[in-house]
Protein backbone atom coordinates (compact mmCIF):
# COMPACT_ATOMS: atom_id res chain seq x y z
CA MET A 1 13.59 -99.03 8.29
CA LEU A 2 11.43 -96.26 9.33
CA TYR A 3 13.38 -95.36 12.24
CA PRO A 4 15.87 -92.83 10.67
CA LEU A 5 13.05 -91.27 9.30
CA LEU A 6 10.88 -91.01 12.92
CA TRP A 7 13.40 -89.67 14.67
CA MET A 8 14.79 -87.16 11.40
CA LEU A 9 10.75 -86.27 12.44
CA ALA A 10 10.74 -86.76 16.08
CA SER A 11 13.79 -83.91 15.78
CA SER A 12 13.02 -81.63 14.06
CA PHE A 13 10.27 -80.41 16.65
CA LYS A 14 13.43 -80.72 19.10
CA PRO A 15 15.69 -77.57 20.58
CA ASP A 16 18.74 -78.40 19.00
CA ASP A 17 20.72 -78.96 22.32
CA GLU A 18 18.00 -82.37 23.09
CA ILE A 19 18.50 -83.19 19.50
CA PHE A 20 21.41 -85.11 20.30
CA GLY A 21 21.02 -85.27 24.32
CA ASN A 22 17.42 -87.28 24.21
CA ALA A 23 17.58 -90.76 23.29
CA SER A 24 13.84 -90.41 22.89
CA LEU A 25 11.62 -90.19 19.97
CA TRP A 26 8.87 -87.50 21.90
CA PRO A 27 10.21 -84.29 22.30
CA ASP A 28 10.60 -83.07 26.12
CA ALA A 29 10.17 -79.44 24.44
CA PHE A 30 7.45 -79.75 21.66
CA THR A 31 8.78 -76.46 19.74
CA LEU A 32 7.73 -75.35 16.01
CA ASP A 33 10.42 -72.92 15.93
CA ALA A 34 12.79 -74.78 13.17
CA TYR A 35 10.18 -75.12 11.12
CA VAL A 36 10.16 -71.11 10.77
CA ARG A 37 13.27 -70.56 11.38
CA GLY A 38 14.31 -72.62 8.70
CA TRP A 39 12.13 -71.35 5.88
CA SER A 40 12.48 -67.82 6.51
CA GLY A 41 15.93 -68.12 8.63
CA LEU A 42 18.69 -67.86 5.34
CA THR A 43 19.71 -64.83 3.39
CA VAL A 44 17.11 -66.91 0.80
CA SER A 45 13.66 -68.13 1.48
CA PHE A 46 13.82 -71.73 1.34
CA GLY A 47 10.90 -71.53 -0.91
CA THR A 48 12.85 -70.15 -3.23
CA PHE A 49 14.74 -73.34 -3.16
CA PHE A 50 11.02 -75.21 -3.53
CA TRP A 51 9.99 -73.55 -6.44
CA ASN A 52 13.90 -73.79 -7.89
CA SER A 53 13.34 -77.69 -7.34
CA LEU A 54 9.86 -78.40 -8.76
CA VAL A 55 10.64 -76.01 -12.10
CA ILE A 56 13.95 -78.50 -12.80
CA SER A 57 12.07 -81.25 -11.75
CA VAL A 58 9.06 -80.70 -14.49
CA LEU A 59 10.63 -79.95 -16.99
CA SER A 60 13.17 -82.66 -16.70
CA VAL A 61 9.65 -84.90 -16.31
CA ILE A 62 8.13 -83.46 -19.34
CA GLY A 63 11.63 -83.40 -21.31
CA ASN A 64 12.03 -87.01 -19.94
CA VAL A 65 8.69 -88.18 -21.11
CA PHE A 66 8.87 -87.02 -24.19
CA SER A 67 12.11 -87.55 -26.08
CA CYS A 68 12.78 -90.53 -24.99
CA SER A 69 9.33 -91.80 -25.81
CA LEU A 70 9.75 -90.29 -29.43
CA ALA A 71 13.24 -92.68 -29.17
CA ALA A 72 12.08 -95.61 -27.95
CA TYR A 73 9.68 -95.53 -31.00
CA ALA A 74 11.51 -95.00 -33.22
CA PHE A 75 13.94 -98.34 -32.00
CA ALA A 76 10.45 -100.22 -31.38
CA ARG A 77 8.63 -99.95 -34.36
CA LEU A 78 10.72 -97.99 -37.24
CA LYS A 79 13.46 -99.20 -39.79
CA PHE A 80 16.28 -96.93 -40.74
CA PRO A 81 20.04 -97.83 -41.21
CA LEU A 82 22.09 -99.46 -38.71
CA LYS A 83 19.63 -99.28 -35.75
CA ASN A 84 21.03 -102.34 -34.50
CA PHE A 85 24.56 -100.19 -33.99
CA TRP A 86 23.01 -96.81 -32.76
CA PHE A 87 20.57 -99.68 -30.10
CA ALA A 88 23.49 -101.21 -29.24
CA LEU A 89 25.63 -97.89 -28.55
CA MET A 90 23.19 -96.38 -27.40
CA LEU A 91 22.45 -99.33 -24.37
CA GLY A 92 25.97 -98.70 -24.00
CA THR A 93 26.41 -95.42 -22.25
CA LEU A 94 24.65 -97.49 -19.20
CA MET A 95 27.33 -98.00 -19.10
CA LEU A 96 29.30 -94.62 -18.15
CA PRO A 97 29.27 -93.64 -15.16
CA TYR A 98 28.16 -89.91 -14.78
CA HIS A 99 31.89 -88.62 -13.56
CA VAL A 100 33.22 -89.95 -16.60
CA THR A 101 30.91 -87.33 -19.14
CA LEU A 102 31.25 -84.47 -16.70
CA ILE A 103 33.92 -82.89 -17.28
CA PRO A 104 33.56 -82.69 -20.82
CA GLN A 105 29.89 -81.84 -19.75
CA TYR A 106 30.92 -79.04 -17.97
CA VAL A 107 33.79 -78.00 -20.88
CA LEU A 108 30.67 -77.88 -23.51
CA PHE A 109 28.08 -75.48 -20.74
CA LEU A 110 30.65 -73.11 -20.24
CA ASN A 111 31.19 -72.55 -23.35
CA LEU A 112 27.40 -71.92 -23.93
CA ASP A 113 27.47 -70.07 -21.22
CA TRP A 114 25.06 -71.58 -19.57
CA VAL A 115 26.88 -72.11 -16.09
CA ASN A 116 24.85 -70.84 -13.27
CA THR A 117 21.74 -71.30 -15.13
CA PHE A 118 18.37 -74.20 -15.08
CA LEU A 119 19.88 -74.89 -18.82
CA PRO A 120 22.63 -78.11 -18.13
CA LEU A 121 20.36 -79.64 -15.89
CA VAL A 122 17.11 -79.09 -18.39
CA VAL A 123 18.34 -79.11 -21.98
CA PRO A 124 19.10 -82.92 -21.57
CA LYS A 125 16.26 -83.78 -20.65
CA PHE A 126 14.65 -83.13 -23.54
CA LEU A 127 17.36 -84.36 -26.10
CA ALA A 128 16.68 -87.54 -24.81
CA ALA A 129 19.93 -88.32 -22.86
CA ASP A 130 18.44 -91.50 -19.95
CA ALA A 131 19.42 -94.26 -21.62
CA PHE A 132 17.31 -96.33 -18.97
CA PHE A 133 14.00 -94.62 -20.53
CA ILE A 134 14.65 -95.69 -23.87
CA PHE A 135 15.29 -98.34 -22.74
CA LEU A 136 12.09 -98.40 -20.41
CA LEU A 137 9.47 -97.44 -22.96
CA TYR A 138 11.59 -100.03 -25.62
CA GLN A 139 10.81 -102.82 -24.05
CA PHE A 140 6.79 -101.54 -23.66
CA PHE A 141 6.59 -100.67 -26.85
CA ARG A 142 7.20 -104.20 -28.31
CA GLY A 143 5.01 -105.97 -26.16
CA ILE A 144 1.74 -103.50 -28.30
CA PRO A 145 0.59 -105.93 -31.13
CA ARG A 146 1.91 -104.66 -34.32
CA GLU A 147 -1.36 -105.28 -36.11
CA LEU A 148 -2.61 -102.29 -34.21
CA ASP A 149 0.02 -99.98 -36.19
CA GLU A 150 -1.21 -102.33 -39.28
CA ALA A 151 -4.86 -100.79 -39.25
CA ALA A 152 -4.10 -97.93 -38.85
CA ILE A 153 -1.41 -97.60 -41.34
CA ILE A 154 -4.58 -99.24 -43.62
CA ASP A 155 -6.86 -96.06 -42.22
CA GLY A 156 -3.73 -93.99 -43.62
CA ALA A 157 -2.16 -92.81 -40.59
CA GLY A 158 2.10 -92.25 -40.53
CA PRO A 159 4.74 -92.66 -37.82
CA TRP A 160 3.97 -89.31 -36.37
CA ARG A 161 0.03 -90.01 -36.40
CA ILE A 162 0.47 -94.05 -35.18
CA PHE A 163 3.28 -92.50 -32.16
CA TRP A 164 0.34 -89.85 -30.46
CA SER A 165 -3.15 -91.66 -31.30
CA VAL A 166 -2.38 -94.95 -31.08
CA MET A 167 1.20 -96.23 -29.07
CA LEU A 168 0.97 -93.22 -26.59
CA PRO A 169 -2.40 -93.88 -24.97
CA LEU A 170 -1.37 -97.22 -24.47
CA SER A 171 2.00 -96.64 -22.53
CA VAL A 172 0.65 -94.56 -19.83
CA PRO A 173 1.74 -97.05 -17.20
CA ALA A 174 4.92 -96.65 -18.78
CA LEU A 175 4.95 -93.06 -19.72
CA ALA A 176 3.64 -92.84 -15.41
CA THR A 177 7.00 -94.70 -14.36
CA ALA A 178 9.02 -92.80 -16.48
CA ALA A 179 7.90 -89.48 -15.12
CA ILE A 180 8.25 -90.94 -11.28
CA PHE A 181 11.28 -92.23 -11.52
CA THR A 182 12.81 -88.66 -13.31
CA PHE A 183 10.84 -86.41 -10.68
CA ILE A 184 12.68 -88.56 -7.53
CA TRP A 185 15.80 -88.82 -9.13
CA THR A 186 16.19 -85.36 -10.34
CA TRP A 187 14.46 -83.96 -7.11
CA ASP A 188 17.52 -85.67 -4.96
CA ASP A 189 20.13 -84.51 -6.96
CA PHE A 190 22.66 -83.20 -5.44
CA PHE A 191 25.72 -83.45 -7.27
CA GLY A 192 23.95 -81.64 -11.07
CA PRO A 193 23.42 -78.67 -9.03
CA LEU A 194 25.89 -78.39 -6.88
CA ILE A 195 28.24 -78.20 -10.25
CA TYR A 196 26.10 -75.65 -12.19
CA LEU A 197 24.84 -73.14 -9.71
CA ASN A 198 26.57 -70.89 -7.82
CA ASP A 199 24.19 -68.54 -6.77
CA ALA A 200 21.96 -68.93 -3.87
CA SER A 201 18.58 -67.56 -5.40
CA GLN A 202 18.97 -70.39 -7.71
CA TYR A 203 20.14 -73.47 -4.89
CA THR A 204 18.12 -76.73 -4.99
CA VAL A 205 16.16 -78.20 -2.05
CA GLN A 206 19.57 -80.58 -1.72
CA LEU A 207 21.54 -77.11 -1.98
CA GLY A 208 19.81 -75.62 0.43
CA LEU A 209 19.61 -78.39 2.92
CA ARG A 210 23.42 -78.11 3.04
CA THR A 211 23.87 -74.84 3.92
CA PHE A 212 22.22 -75.25 7.54
CA VAL A 213 25.50 -77.59 8.14
CA ASP A 214 28.67 -75.72 8.73
CA SER A 215 32.16 -77.85 8.72
CA THR A 216 33.74 -74.66 10.52
CA GLY A 217 31.00 -73.13 13.08
CA LYS A 218 27.67 -73.99 14.58
CA SER A 219 25.19 -76.00 12.73
CA ASP A 220 21.33 -75.68 12.67
CA TRP A 221 20.02 -79.18 12.78
CA SER A 222 16.90 -78.93 13.86
CA ALA A 223 16.55 -76.67 11.56
CA LEU A 224 18.33 -79.16 8.82
CA PHE A 225 16.30 -82.04 10.00
CA ALA A 226 12.44 -79.39 9.59
CA MET A 227 13.13 -78.75 6.07
CA SER A 228 14.14 -82.58 5.38
CA VAL A 229 11.13 -82.96 6.54
CA VAL A 230 9.29 -80.76 4.10
CA ALA A 231 11.38 -81.41 1.35
CA LEU A 232 9.94 -85.35 1.42
CA ILE A 233 6.37 -83.74 1.44
CA PRO A 234 6.40 -83.35 -2.58
CA VAL A 235 7.80 -86.98 -3.44
CA LEU A 236 5.80 -88.65 -1.40
CA LEU A 237 2.51 -86.91 -2.52
CA PHE A 238 4.07 -87.68 -6.14
CA PHE A 239 4.24 -91.27 -5.44
CA ALA A 240 1.48 -91.79 -3.44
CA VAL A 241 -1.00 -89.99 -6.54
CA PHE A 242 1.01 -92.33 -9.62
CA GLN A 243 1.92 -95.57 -7.41
CA ARG A 244 -0.97 -97.86 -9.07
CA LEU A 245 -0.15 -96.55 -12.57
CA LEU A 246 4.06 -97.46 -11.09
CA ILE A 247 3.21 -101.01 -10.99
CA GLU A 248 1.33 -101.40 -13.70
CA GLY A 249 4.70 -100.57 -15.93
CA ILE A 250 6.44 -102.27 -13.91
CA ALA A 251 4.26 -105.34 -14.37
CA THR A 252 3.30 -105.19 -17.26
CA THR A 253 5.01 -105.92 -20.79
CA GLY A 254 2.23 -105.45 -23.35
CA LEU A 255 -1.50 -105.52 -23.11
CA LYS A 256 -3.82 -106.10 -20.73
CA GLY A 257 -6.63 -109.05 -21.68
């Protein structure tokens, strides 16, 4: 399972003519030229692609965690007309493939003059558009004893205060799980940026990697592998830092002890 990653790492230190001609993982001619060429060899620096991906991913994490937790809290704790109907409708969106809504969304964003900006990739995250995370947080909120809500109501707290002071502090593992998956999925997303971003200065890391492959000419494979290795670093660091919270968020369904 790890061999393709090891092969990619080894190939990033090889010259182009050695990548497919030498089966050994250890390069005969060790060189860092691919990293230098990959980072600054394009018309736009690869650092620009990194910054664009980081901005989109961080904003997506903030938007998803905030909006989906609000929606999940409403479904789990509040009473309002047709709650079960709206909850079932929300779950039904999980069965809709992304490609079904792609054209209507594109037309909408085109009319709003949002195409070739980050807005189509970020704004939906602030509108609780990911039913998976709503359902994840909803299940976690359901496991929190209602006696805590009742105690807060006796102290004079309203729904908003209960959400901020009671529910969120107890839901850190679930919120971290949503944040980790949102960051990884957004960082690795290729199709969304491909549809909405046209200017090379706004490309994300995934689109930037695609520019190293030319179907009509010579592809710079060593630079592609070098930048692919660099592109993995933020995801690995993000996962390593929040790994404990991720495991708790998946394993627990309520309060411990």
